[in-house]
């Protein structure tokens, strides 16, 4: 469903981050922050957690509940990964893009000021009518097939996938009677990394 998070009380929180002073009080926005998500996506959860930490109200459009938003989103962004985040009409990108933006204090401040003081322009994405939400399919495999959207790739997940498709995963004997199935040795992994990633050559 569409959920709008409002933190309606003044709160000061100690933080190590240099931009914390931006968001120490209630944030009333004339504009709109929209985040497109799917259920169970860890990158979506991280992005929403960061928005809540920053006390920035946002609209969460879950593409499992609003399948009619999938095609327009893919056309607008050229991507089929989530999350996809917008500050008014400005497309931020995914969670990695958003987290990097937050660390770029000057650019982030400009976007926050924009959504704080400017109403969404006509080209900004418009959240769907909540009454058009559909029941989520509890069968995850069917849902993934039908949605056409997936979590944005994680660099470690990509590395694991590459290792799995390499020839270093084998059965390894340890002594006479012990066999470690589907494993690799540290030496094999290092050799593979040096060769596959062209490190140290």
N, C-alpha and C. Protein backbone atom coordinates (compact mmCIF):
# COMPACT_ATOMS: atom_id res chain seq x y z
N UNK A 1 0.84 -1.19 0.00
CA UNK A 1 0.00 0.00 0.00
C UNK A 1 0.89 1.25 0.00
N UNK A 2 0.28 2.39 -0.33
CA UNK A 2 1.03 3.64 -0.22
C UNK A 2 1.10 4.00 1.24
N UNK A 3 2.31 4.27 1.71
CA UNK A 3 2.47 4.68 3.10
C UNK A 3 3.22 6.00 3.11
N UNK A 4 2.71 6.96 3.84
CA UNK A 4 3.39 8.24 3.97
C UNK A 4 3.87 8.35 5.41
N UNK A 5 5.17 8.50 5.56
CA UNK A 5 5.77 8.54 6.88
C UNK A 5 5.96 10.00 7.28
N UNK A 6 5.33 10.39 8.40
CA UNK A 6 5.54 11.72 8.92
C UNK A 6 6.08 11.60 10.35
N UNK A 7 7.15 12.27 10.61
CA UNK A 7 7.67 12.34 11.96
C UNK A 7 7.27 13.71 12.47
N UNK A 8 6.23 13.79 13.30
CA UNK A 8 5.58 15.06 13.58
C UNK A 8 6.05 15.73 14.86
N UNK A 9 7.15 15.30 15.41
CA UNK A 9 7.59 15.94 16.63
C UNK A 9 9.05 16.34 16.51
N UNK A 10 9.40 17.40 17.22
CA UNK A 10 10.77 17.90 17.23
C UNK A 10 11.67 16.91 17.95
N UNK A 11 12.81 16.63 17.34
CA UNK A 11 13.69 15.65 17.95
C UNK A 11 15.13 15.97 17.56
N UNK A 12 16.01 16.02 18.54
CA UNK A 12 17.43 16.15 18.26
C UNK A 12 18.08 14.80 18.51
N UNK A 13 18.87 14.37 17.56
CA UNK A 13 19.54 13.08 17.69
C UNK A 13 21.02 13.29 17.37
N UNK A 14 21.85 12.78 18.25
CA UNK A 14 23.29 12.84 17.99
C UNK A 14 23.60 11.97 16.78
N UNK A 15 24.49 12.42 15.93
CA UNK A 15 24.86 11.63 14.77
C UNK A 15 26.27 12.01 14.36
N UNK A 16 26.99 11.02 13.82
CA UNK A 16 28.34 11.26 13.34
C UNK A 16 28.33 11.93 11.98
N UNK A 17 27.22 11.86 11.27
CA UNK A 17 27.19 12.36 9.91
C UNK A 17 27.13 13.88 9.89
N UNK A 18 27.84 14.48 8.94
CA UNK A 18 28.01 15.92 8.91
C UNK A 18 26.75 16.68 8.52
N UNK A 19 25.78 15.98 7.85
CA UNK A 19 24.59 16.66 7.37
C UNK A 19 23.44 16.58 8.35
N UNK A 20 23.66 16.02 9.54
CA UNK A 20 22.55 15.80 10.47
C UNK A 20 21.84 17.09 10.83
N UNK A 21 22.58 18.22 10.84
CA UNK A 21 21.97 19.48 11.25
C UNK A 21 20.83 19.91 10.33
N UNK A 22 20.79 19.35 9.13
CA UNK A 22 19.71 19.67 8.19
C UNK A 22 18.35 19.22 8.68
N UNK A 23 18.32 18.15 9.43
CA UNK A 23 17.05 17.48 9.65
C UNK A 23 16.79 17.22 11.13
N UNK A 24 17.07 18.22 11.97
CA UNK A 24 16.89 18.01 13.40
C UNK A 24 15.48 18.36 13.86
N UNK A 25 14.64 18.87 12.98
CA UNK A 25 13.27 19.17 13.39
C UNK A 25 12.30 18.66 12.35
N UNK A 26 11.03 18.76 12.69
CA UNK A 26 9.98 18.29 11.79
C UNK A 26 10.17 18.89 10.40
N UNK A 27 10.02 18.05 9.37
CA UNK A 27 10.20 18.51 8.00
C UNK A 27 8.84 18.56 7.32
N UNK A 28 8.36 19.75 7.01
CA UNK A 28 7.13 19.92 6.25
C UNK A 28 7.52 20.18 4.81
N UNK A 29 6.99 19.38 3.91
CA UNK A 29 7.37 19.49 2.50
C UNK A 29 6.21 20.02 1.67
N UNK A 30 6.51 20.98 0.81
CA UNK A 30 5.55 21.39 -0.22
C UNK A 30 5.63 20.41 -1.38
N UNK A 31 6.82 19.85 -1.58
CA UNK A 31 7.04 18.90 -2.65
C UNK A 31 6.78 17.48 -2.21
N UNK A 32 7.39 16.53 -2.94
CA UNK A 32 7.06 15.13 -2.69
C UNK A 32 8.29 14.26 -2.97
N UNK A 33 8.52 13.32 -2.06
CA UNK A 33 9.53 12.27 -2.26
C UNK A 33 8.78 10.97 -2.50
N UNK A 34 9.07 10.33 -3.62
CA UNK A 34 8.40 9.08 -3.97
C UNK A 34 9.47 7.99 -4.11
N UNK A 35 9.22 6.86 -3.48
CA UNK A 35 10.13 5.71 -3.62
C UNK A 35 9.31 4.51 -4.10
N UNK A 36 9.75 3.94 -5.21
CA UNK A 36 9.11 2.74 -5.76
C UNK A 36 9.84 1.52 -5.24
N UNK A 37 9.09 0.54 -4.74
CA UNK A 37 9.69 -0.61 -4.07
C UNK A 37 8.98 -1.90 -4.50
N UNK A 38 9.55 -3.03 -4.08
CA UNK A 38 8.83 -4.30 -4.10
C UNK A 38 9.00 -4.94 -2.72
N UNK A 39 8.11 -5.83 -2.38
CA UNK A 39 8.14 -6.47 -1.07
C UNK A 39 9.38 -7.34 -0.92
N UNK A 40 10.05 -7.24 0.23
CA UNK A 40 11.18 -8.11 0.53
C UNK A 40 12.51 -7.64 -0.02
N UNK A 41 12.56 -6.46 -0.61
CA UNK A 41 13.82 -5.97 -1.20
C UNK A 41 14.65 -5.29 -0.12
N UNK A 42 15.85 -5.81 0.20
CA UNK A 42 16.66 -5.20 1.27
C UNK A 42 17.15 -3.80 0.92
N UNK A 43 17.39 -3.53 -0.37
CA UNK A 43 17.84 -2.19 -0.77
C UNK A 43 16.73 -1.17 -0.56
N UNK A 44 15.49 -1.59 -0.82
CA UNK A 44 14.34 -0.71 -0.57
C UNK A 44 14.23 -0.40 0.92
N UNK A 45 14.41 -1.42 1.75
CA UNK A 45 14.32 -1.22 3.20
C UNK A 45 15.40 -0.26 3.68
N UNK A 46 16.62 -0.38 3.13
CA UNK A 46 17.71 0.52 3.54
C UNK A 46 17.41 1.96 3.14
N UNK A 47 16.91 2.13 1.92
CA UNK A 47 16.60 3.49 1.46
C UNK A 47 15.49 4.11 2.32
N UNK A 48 14.44 3.34 2.62
CA UNK A 48 13.35 3.88 3.44
C UNK A 48 13.83 4.15 4.87
N UNK A 49 14.70 3.31 5.37
CA UNK A 49 15.25 3.52 6.71
C UNK A 49 16.05 4.82 6.76
N UNK A 50 16.83 5.09 5.70
CA UNK A 50 17.61 6.32 5.66
C UNK A 50 16.69 7.54 5.57
N UNK A 51 15.62 7.46 4.79
CA UNK A 51 14.67 8.57 4.71
C UNK A 51 14.03 8.84 6.07
N UNK A 52 13.67 7.76 6.78
CA UNK A 52 13.09 7.95 8.12
C UNK A 52 14.12 8.53 9.07
N UNK A 53 15.36 8.06 8.97
CA UNK A 53 16.43 8.60 9.82
C UNK A 53 16.60 10.10 9.57
N UNK A 54 16.45 10.51 8.33
CA UNK A 54 16.57 11.92 7.96
C UNK A 54 15.30 12.71 8.24
N UNK A 55 14.26 11.99 8.72
CA UNK A 55 12.96 12.59 9.02
C UNK A 55 12.36 13.25 7.78
N UNK A 56 12.54 12.63 6.63
CA UNK A 56 11.97 13.12 5.38
C UNK A 56 10.71 12.31 5.07
N UNK A 57 9.54 12.95 5.04
CA UNK A 57 8.32 12.23 4.67
C UNK A 57 8.42 11.71 3.24
N UNK A 58 7.94 10.52 2.99
CA UNK A 58 8.00 9.95 1.64
C UNK A 58 6.76 9.13 1.36
N UNK A 59 6.52 8.93 0.07
CA UNK A 59 5.43 8.07 -0.37
C UNK A 59 6.03 6.80 -0.93
N UNK A 60 5.64 5.66 -0.37
CA UNK A 60 6.15 4.36 -0.79
C UNK A 60 5.14 3.73 -1.74
N UNK A 61 5.52 3.57 -3.00
CA UNK A 61 4.65 2.92 -3.98
C UNK A 61 5.18 1.51 -4.22
N UNK A 62 4.51 0.53 -3.64
CA UNK A 62 4.93 -0.87 -3.78
C UNK A 62 4.40 -1.41 -5.11
N UNK A 63 5.32 -1.79 -6.00
CA UNK A 63 4.93 -2.23 -7.34
C UNK A 63 4.20 -3.57 -7.33
N UNK A 64 4.27 -4.30 -6.22
CA UNK A 64 3.47 -5.52 -6.09
C UNK A 64 2.00 -5.17 -5.91
N UNK A 65 1.74 -4.06 -5.24
CA UNK A 65 0.37 -3.61 -5.02
C UNK A 65 -0.17 -2.75 -6.17
N UNK A 66 0.77 -2.09 -6.88
CA UNK A 66 0.37 -1.18 -7.95
C UNK A 66 1.07 -1.56 -9.25
N UNK A 67 0.69 -2.71 -9.84
CA UNK A 67 1.36 -3.18 -11.06
C UNK A 67 1.22 -2.22 -12.23
N UNK A 68 0.21 -1.36 -12.21
CA UNK A 68 0.01 -0.41 -13.30
C UNK A 68 1.13 0.64 -13.35
N UNK A 69 1.92 0.74 -12.28
CA UNK A 69 3.02 1.71 -12.24
C UNK A 69 4.32 1.16 -12.83
N UNK A 70 4.38 -0.15 -13.06
CA UNK A 70 5.64 -0.76 -13.49
C UNK A 70 6.12 -0.25 -14.85
N UNK A 71 5.23 -0.32 -15.84
CA UNK A 71 5.64 0.07 -17.19
C UNK A 71 6.01 1.55 -17.27
N UNK A 72 5.18 2.47 -16.73
CA UNK A 72 5.56 3.88 -16.75
C UNK A 72 6.89 4.15 -16.04
N UNK A 73 7.13 3.43 -14.93
CA UNK A 73 8.39 3.61 -14.20
C UNK A 73 9.56 3.15 -15.03
N UNK A 74 9.45 1.99 -15.68
CA UNK A 74 10.53 1.48 -16.52
C UNK A 74 10.81 2.43 -17.69
N UNK A 75 9.75 2.99 -18.27
CA UNK A 75 9.93 3.93 -19.38
C UNK A 75 10.59 5.22 -18.90
N UNK A 76 10.21 5.69 -17.72
CA UNK A 76 10.74 6.94 -17.20
C UNK A 76 12.21 6.82 -16.81
N UNK A 77 12.57 5.68 -16.20
CA UNK A 77 13.92 5.53 -15.64
C UNK A 77 14.86 4.72 -16.53
N UNK A 78 14.30 3.88 -17.43
CA UNK A 78 15.14 2.97 -18.22
C UNK A 78 15.68 1.83 -17.38
N UNK A 79 15.08 1.60 -16.22
CA UNK A 79 15.56 0.55 -15.30
C UNK A 79 14.41 -0.35 -14.88
N UNK A 80 14.78 -1.58 -14.49
CA UNK A 80 13.76 -2.49 -13.94
C UNK A 80 14.23 -3.03 -12.59
N UNK A 81 14.96 -2.18 -11.87
CA UNK A 81 15.39 -2.52 -10.51
C UNK A 81 14.77 -1.52 -9.53
N UNK A 82 14.65 -1.97 -8.30
CA UNK A 82 14.13 -1.10 -7.24
C UNK A 82 15.14 -1.11 -6.09
N UNK A 83 15.10 -0.05 -5.28
CA UNK A 83 14.18 1.07 -5.33
C UNK A 83 14.52 2.06 -6.45
N UNK A 84 13.54 2.85 -6.81
CA UNK A 84 13.73 4.03 -7.65
C UNK A 84 13.16 5.20 -6.87
N UNK A 85 13.99 6.23 -6.69
CA UNK A 85 13.66 7.32 -5.77
C UNK A 85 13.58 8.64 -6.54
N UNK A 86 12.55 9.42 -6.24
CA UNK A 86 12.37 10.73 -6.86
C UNK A 86 12.20 11.79 -5.78
N UNK A 87 12.89 12.91 -5.95
CA UNK A 87 12.64 14.12 -5.18
C UNK A 87 11.96 15.08 -6.15
N UNK A 88 10.64 15.28 -6.00
CA UNK A 88 9.84 15.96 -7.01
C UNK A 88 10.09 15.27 -8.35
N UNK A 89 10.54 16.02 -9.38
CA UNK A 89 10.75 15.40 -10.70
C UNK A 89 12.17 14.87 -10.87
N UNK A 90 13.03 15.09 -9.88
CA UNK A 90 14.43 14.67 -10.00
C UNK A 90 14.57 13.20 -9.65
N UNK A 91 15.04 12.43 -10.63
CA UNK A 91 15.24 10.99 -10.41
C UNK A 91 16.61 10.79 -9.75
N UNK A 92 16.60 10.28 -8.53
CA UNK A 92 17.84 10.05 -7.79
C UNK A 92 18.50 8.76 -8.26
N UNK A 93 17.69 7.72 -8.49
CA UNK A 93 18.21 6.41 -8.84
C UNK A 93 17.86 5.41 -7.76
N UNK A 94 18.76 4.46 -7.52
CA UNK A 94 18.52 3.42 -6.53
C UNK A 94 19.09 3.76 -5.17
N UNK A 95 19.16 2.75 -4.31
CA UNK A 95 19.63 2.97 -2.95
C UNK A 95 21.09 3.43 -2.91
N UNK A 96 21.95 2.80 -3.70
CA UNK A 96 23.37 3.21 -3.71
C UNK A 96 23.50 4.66 -4.12
N UNK A 97 22.76 5.06 -5.16
CA UNK A 97 22.81 6.46 -5.62
C UNK A 97 22.33 7.40 -4.51
N UNK A 98 21.27 6.99 -3.83
CA UNK A 98 20.72 7.83 -2.76
C UNK A 98 21.69 7.97 -1.60
N UNK A 99 22.29 6.85 -1.19
CA UNK A 99 23.22 6.89 -0.05
C UNK A 99 24.44 7.77 -0.38
N UNK A 100 24.91 7.69 -1.63
CA UNK A 100 26.05 8.54 -2.04
C UNK A 100 25.65 10.00 -2.05
N UNK A 101 24.42 10.27 -2.53
CA UNK A 101 23.93 11.64 -2.58
C UNK A 101 23.87 12.25 -1.19
N UNK A 102 23.42 11.49 -0.21
CA UNK A 102 23.31 12.00 1.16
C UNK A 102 24.67 12.45 1.67
N UNK A 103 25.73 11.75 1.26
CA UNK A 103 27.08 12.11 1.70
C UNK A 103 27.61 13.35 0.98
N UNK A 104 27.01 13.69 -0.16
CA UNK A 104 27.41 14.90 -0.89
C UNK A 104 26.57 16.06 -0.37
N UNK A 105 27.01 16.66 0.68
CA UNK A 105 26.19 17.59 1.46
C UNK A 105 25.54 18.68 0.61
N UNK A 106 26.32 19.32 -0.24
CA UNK A 106 25.79 20.47 -0.99
C UNK A 106 24.66 20.07 -1.93
N UNK A 107 24.86 19.01 -2.71
CA UNK A 107 23.83 18.55 -3.64
C UNK A 107 22.59 18.05 -2.91
N UNK A 108 22.82 17.35 -1.80
CA UNK A 108 21.70 16.83 -1.03
C UNK A 108 20.86 17.97 -0.44
N UNK A 109 21.55 19.00 0.09
CA UNK A 109 20.84 20.15 0.67
C UNK A 109 19.96 20.82 -0.38
N UNK A 110 20.47 20.94 -1.61
CA UNK A 110 19.68 21.57 -2.67
C UNK A 110 18.40 20.79 -2.95
N UNK A 111 18.52 19.46 -3.00
CA UNK A 111 17.33 18.64 -3.27
C UNK A 111 16.34 18.72 -2.12
N UNK A 112 16.83 18.70 -0.89
CA UNK A 112 15.94 18.82 0.27
C UNK A 112 15.24 20.16 0.25
N UNK A 113 15.98 21.23 -0.06
CA UNK A 113 15.37 22.56 -0.14
C UNK A 113 14.31 22.60 -1.24
N UNK A 114 14.58 21.92 -2.36
CA UNK A 114 13.63 21.90 -3.46
C UNK A 114 12.31 21.26 -3.03
N UNK A 115 12.38 20.07 -2.41
CA UNK A 115 11.12 19.41 -2.01
C UNK A 115 10.48 20.10 -0.82
N UNK A 116 11.27 20.81 -0.06
CA UNK A 116 10.72 21.52 1.09
C UNK A 116 9.92 22.75 0.66
N UNK A 117 10.40 23.43 -0.39
CA UNK A 117 9.82 24.73 -0.74
C UNK A 117 9.09 24.78 -2.07
N UNK A 118 9.16 23.70 -2.87
CA UNK A 118 8.58 23.75 -4.22
C UNK A 118 7.54 22.64 -4.39
N UNK A 119 6.38 23.01 -4.88
CA UNK A 119 5.36 21.99 -5.16
C UNK A 119 5.82 21.14 -6.35
N UNK A 120 5.40 19.88 -6.42
CA UNK A 120 5.85 19.01 -7.50
C UNK A 120 5.43 19.56 -8.87
N UNK A 121 6.36 19.64 -9.82
CA UNK A 121 6.00 20.09 -11.17
C UNK A 121 5.18 19.02 -11.88
N UNK A 122 4.54 19.37 -13.01
CA UNK A 122 3.69 18.40 -13.71
C UNK A 122 4.42 17.12 -14.12
N UNK A 123 5.73 17.22 -14.38
CA UNK A 123 6.48 16.03 -14.83
C UNK A 123 6.90 15.12 -13.68
N UNK A 124 6.66 15.53 -12.43
CA UNK A 124 7.00 14.67 -11.29
C UNK A 124 6.07 13.46 -11.25
N UNK A 125 6.58 12.29 -10.83
CA UNK A 125 5.71 11.12 -10.73
C UNK A 125 4.59 11.35 -9.72
N UNK A 126 3.40 10.90 -10.10
CA UNK A 126 2.23 11.07 -9.24
C UNK A 126 1.90 9.72 -8.61
N UNK A 127 1.83 9.64 -7.29
CA UNK A 127 1.46 8.37 -6.65
C UNK A 127 0.09 7.90 -7.11
N UNK A 128 -0.10 6.60 -7.24
CA UNK A 128 -1.40 6.09 -7.69
C UNK A 128 -2.47 6.25 -6.62
N UNK A 129 -3.71 6.17 -7.06
CA UNK A 129 -4.85 6.21 -6.15
C UNK A 129 -4.81 4.95 -5.29
N UNK A 130 -4.82 5.09 -3.95
CA UNK A 130 -4.77 3.89 -3.08
C UNK A 130 -5.86 2.88 -3.36
N UNK A 131 -7.00 3.34 -3.89
CA UNK A 131 -8.10 2.41 -4.15
C UNK A 131 -7.80 1.46 -5.31
N UNK A 132 -6.73 1.74 -6.08
CA UNK A 132 -6.38 0.88 -7.21
C UNK A 132 -5.40 -0.23 -6.81
N UNK A 133 -5.06 -0.31 -5.52
CA UNK A 133 -4.13 -1.34 -5.05
C UNK A 133 -4.74 -2.73 -5.23
N UNK A 134 -3.87 -3.69 -5.55
CA UNK A 134 -4.32 -5.08 -5.69
C UNK A 134 -3.69 -5.92 -4.59
N UNK A 135 -4.30 -7.07 -4.32
CA UNK A 135 -3.76 -8.00 -3.32
C UNK A 135 -2.41 -8.52 -3.80
N UNK A 136 -1.46 -8.64 -2.88
CA UNK A 136 -0.17 -9.20 -3.25
C UNK A 136 -0.27 -10.70 -3.41
N UNK A 137 0.43 -11.23 -4.42
CA UNK A 137 0.51 -12.68 -4.61
C UNK A 137 1.49 -13.23 -3.59
N UNK A 138 1.05 -14.16 -2.75
CA UNK A 138 1.92 -14.70 -1.71
C UNK A 138 2.97 -15.65 -2.27
N UNK A 139 2.76 -16.14 -3.51
CA UNK A 139 3.74 -17.02 -4.14
C UNK A 139 4.84 -16.14 -4.74
N UNK A 140 5.99 -16.10 -4.06
CA UNK A 140 7.06 -15.18 -4.46
C UNK A 140 7.56 -15.45 -5.87
N UNK A 141 7.63 -16.72 -6.29
CA UNK A 141 8.14 -17.04 -7.62
C UNK A 141 7.22 -16.47 -8.69
N UNK A 142 5.91 -16.58 -8.48
CA UNK A 142 4.96 -16.01 -9.44
C UNK A 142 5.06 -14.49 -9.45
N UNK A 143 5.22 -13.94 -8.26
CA UNK A 143 5.29 -12.48 -8.15
C UNK A 143 6.51 -11.95 -8.89
N UNK A 144 7.67 -12.60 -8.70
CA UNK A 144 8.89 -12.15 -9.36
C UNK A 144 8.77 -12.26 -10.87
N UNK A 145 8.14 -13.34 -11.36
CA UNK A 145 7.97 -13.51 -12.80
C UNK A 145 7.09 -12.42 -13.37
N UNK A 146 6.02 -12.09 -12.65
CA UNK A 146 5.05 -11.17 -13.21
C UNK A 146 5.47 -9.72 -13.07
N UNK A 147 6.26 -9.38 -12.05
CA UNK A 147 6.54 -7.98 -11.80
C UNK A 147 7.50 -7.39 -12.81
N UNK A 148 8.47 -8.17 -13.27
CA UNK A 148 9.47 -7.63 -14.18
C UNK A 148 10.47 -6.75 -13.48
N UNK A 149 10.32 -6.53 -12.18
CA UNK A 149 11.24 -5.70 -11.40
C UNK A 149 11.96 -6.56 -10.37
N UNK A 150 13.20 -6.22 -10.09
CA UNK A 150 13.98 -6.94 -9.09
C UNK A 150 14.78 -5.94 -8.27
N UNK A 151 15.34 -6.42 -7.16
CA UNK A 151 16.20 -5.56 -6.35
C UNK A 151 17.43 -5.18 -7.17
N UNK A 152 17.93 -3.96 -6.93
CA UNK A 152 19.14 -3.56 -7.63
C UNK A 152 20.28 -4.49 -7.21
N UNK A 153 21.18 -4.82 -8.13
CA UNK A 153 22.21 -5.80 -7.80
C UNK A 153 23.16 -5.31 -6.72
N UNK A 154 23.53 -6.22 -5.85
CA UNK A 154 24.47 -5.95 -4.79
C UNK A 154 25.85 -6.43 -5.26
N UNK A 155 26.91 -5.64 -5.02
CA UNK A 155 28.23 -6.01 -5.55
C UNK A 155 28.71 -7.34 -5.01
N UNK A 156 28.38 -7.67 -3.75
CA UNK A 156 28.80 -8.95 -3.19
C UNK A 156 27.98 -10.10 -3.78
N UNK A 157 26.69 -9.83 -4.03
CA UNK A 157 25.85 -10.86 -4.65
C UNK A 157 26.37 -11.18 -6.05
N UNK A 158 26.81 -10.13 -6.77
CA UNK A 158 27.36 -10.35 -8.11
C UNK A 158 28.64 -11.19 -8.04
N UNK A 159 29.47 -10.90 -7.03
CA UNK A 159 30.72 -11.66 -6.87
C UNK A 159 30.42 -13.12 -6.56
N UNK A 160 29.44 -13.36 -5.67
CA UNK A 160 29.07 -14.74 -5.33
C UNK A 160 28.57 -15.47 -6.57
N UNK A 161 27.77 -14.78 -7.38
CA UNK A 161 27.25 -15.39 -8.60
C UNK A 161 28.39 -15.77 -9.55
N UNK A 162 29.39 -14.89 -9.68
CA UNK A 162 30.54 -15.18 -10.53
C UNK A 162 31.34 -16.37 -10.01
N UNK A 163 31.52 -16.41 -8.69
CA UNK A 163 32.27 -17.53 -8.10
C UNK A 163 31.52 -18.84 -8.33
N UNK A 164 30.18 -18.80 -8.16
CA UNK A 164 29.38 -20.02 -8.36
C UNK A 164 29.48 -20.53 -9.79
N UNK A 165 29.59 -19.60 -10.75
CA UNK A 165 29.65 -20.01 -12.16
C UNK A 165 31.07 -20.35 -12.61
N UNK A 166 32.06 -20.12 -11.73
CA UNK A 166 33.45 -20.46 -12.08
C UNK A 166 33.68 -21.95 -11.85
N UNK A 167 34.90 -22.40 -12.17
CA UNK A 167 35.21 -23.82 -12.01
C UNK A 167 35.94 -24.12 -10.70
N UNK A 168 35.99 -23.15 -9.79
CA UNK A 168 36.75 -23.40 -8.55
C UNK A 168 35.93 -24.15 -7.51
N UNK A 169 34.61 -24.16 -7.65
CA UNK A 169 33.77 -24.87 -6.67
C UNK A 169 33.71 -26.35 -7.06
N UNK A 170 34.27 -27.17 -6.21
CA UNK A 170 34.38 -28.61 -6.48
C UNK A 170 34.26 -29.36 -5.15
N UNK A 171 34.34 -30.68 -5.24
CA UNK A 171 34.44 -31.49 -4.03
C UNK A 171 35.91 -31.61 -3.67
N UNK A 172 36.23 -31.38 -2.41
CA UNK A 172 37.62 -31.43 -1.95
C UNK A 172 37.76 -32.48 -0.85
N UNK A 173 38.75 -33.34 -1.01
CA UNK A 173 39.00 -34.39 -0.03
C UNK A 173 39.89 -33.84 1.09
N UNK A 174 39.52 -34.18 2.32
CA UNK A 174 40.33 -33.83 3.48
C UNK A 174 40.61 -35.12 4.24
N UNK A 175 41.76 -35.70 4.02
CA UNK A 175 42.07 -37.01 4.61
C UNK A 175 41.47 -38.12 3.78
N UNK A 176 41.42 -39.31 4.35
CA UNK A 176 40.95 -40.48 3.62
C UNK A 176 39.43 -40.57 3.51
N UNK A 177 38.73 -40.11 4.53
CA UNK A 177 37.30 -40.38 4.58
C UNK A 177 36.40 -39.13 4.50
N UNK A 178 36.98 -37.96 4.51
CA UNK A 178 36.17 -36.73 4.54
C UNK A 178 36.22 -36.02 3.20
N UNK A 179 35.04 -35.70 2.69
CA UNK A 179 34.95 -34.93 1.45
C UNK A 179 34.08 -33.71 1.70
N UNK A 180 34.60 -32.55 1.38
CA UNK A 180 33.84 -31.30 1.49
C UNK A 180 33.25 -31.01 0.12
N UNK A 181 31.92 -31.13 0.02
CA UNK A 181 31.25 -30.95 -1.26
C UNK A 181 31.03 -29.47 -1.55
N UNK A 182 31.09 -29.16 -2.84
CA UNK A 182 30.82 -27.79 -3.32
C UNK A 182 31.58 -26.74 -2.50
N UNK A 183 32.88 -26.89 -2.48
CA UNK A 183 33.72 -25.99 -1.71
C UNK A 183 34.89 -25.51 -2.56
N UNK A 184 35.68 -24.62 -2.01
CA UNK A 184 36.90 -24.19 -2.70
C UNK A 184 37.94 -23.86 -1.65
N UNK A 185 39.20 -23.96 -2.05
CA UNK A 185 40.29 -23.65 -1.12
C UNK A 185 40.60 -22.16 -1.22
N UNK A 186 41.24 -21.66 -0.19
CA UNK A 186 41.65 -20.26 -0.19
C UNK A 186 42.59 -19.94 -1.34
N UNK A 187 43.51 -20.86 -1.63
CA UNK A 187 44.45 -20.65 -2.73
C UNK A 187 43.72 -20.57 -4.07
N UNK A 188 42.72 -21.47 -4.25
CA UNK A 188 41.95 -21.45 -5.50
C UNK A 188 41.20 -20.14 -5.66
N UNK A 189 40.63 -19.65 -4.56
CA UNK A 189 39.88 -18.40 -4.62
C UNK A 189 40.80 -17.23 -4.97
N UNK A 190 41.96 -17.17 -4.31
CA UNK A 190 42.91 -16.08 -4.60
C UNK A 190 43.36 -16.14 -6.04
N UNK A 191 43.69 -17.34 -6.53
CA UNK A 191 44.12 -17.49 -7.93
C UNK A 191 43.02 -17.04 -8.88
N UNK A 192 41.78 -17.41 -8.57
CA UNK A 192 40.65 -17.03 -9.43
C UNK A 192 40.45 -15.51 -9.44
N UNK A 193 40.53 -14.89 -8.26
CA UNK A 193 40.36 -13.42 -8.18
C UNK A 193 41.44 -12.72 -8.98
N UNK A 194 42.68 -13.16 -8.83
CA UNK A 194 43.81 -12.53 -9.56
C UNK A 194 43.57 -12.64 -11.06
N UNK A 195 43.11 -13.82 -11.49
CA UNK A 195 42.91 -14.05 -12.93
C UNK A 195 41.64 -13.36 -13.44
N UNK A 196 40.51 -13.55 -12.76
CA UNK A 196 39.23 -13.02 -13.24
C UNK A 196 39.13 -11.51 -13.12
N UNK A 197 39.74 -10.96 -12.08
CA UNK A 197 39.63 -9.52 -11.86
C UNK A 197 40.89 -8.77 -12.29
N UNK A 198 41.84 -9.50 -12.90
CA UNK A 198 43.08 -8.88 -13.40
C UNK A 198 43.79 -8.08 -12.32
N UNK A 199 43.94 -8.70 -11.16
CA UNK A 199 44.59 -8.03 -10.03
C UNK A 199 46.04 -8.53 -9.94
N UNK A 200 46.92 -7.63 -9.70
CA UNK A 200 48.31 -7.97 -9.43
C UNK A 200 49.10 -8.37 -10.66
N UNK A 201 48.51 -8.21 -11.85
CA UNK A 201 49.21 -8.62 -13.06
C UNK A 201 50.18 -7.59 -13.49
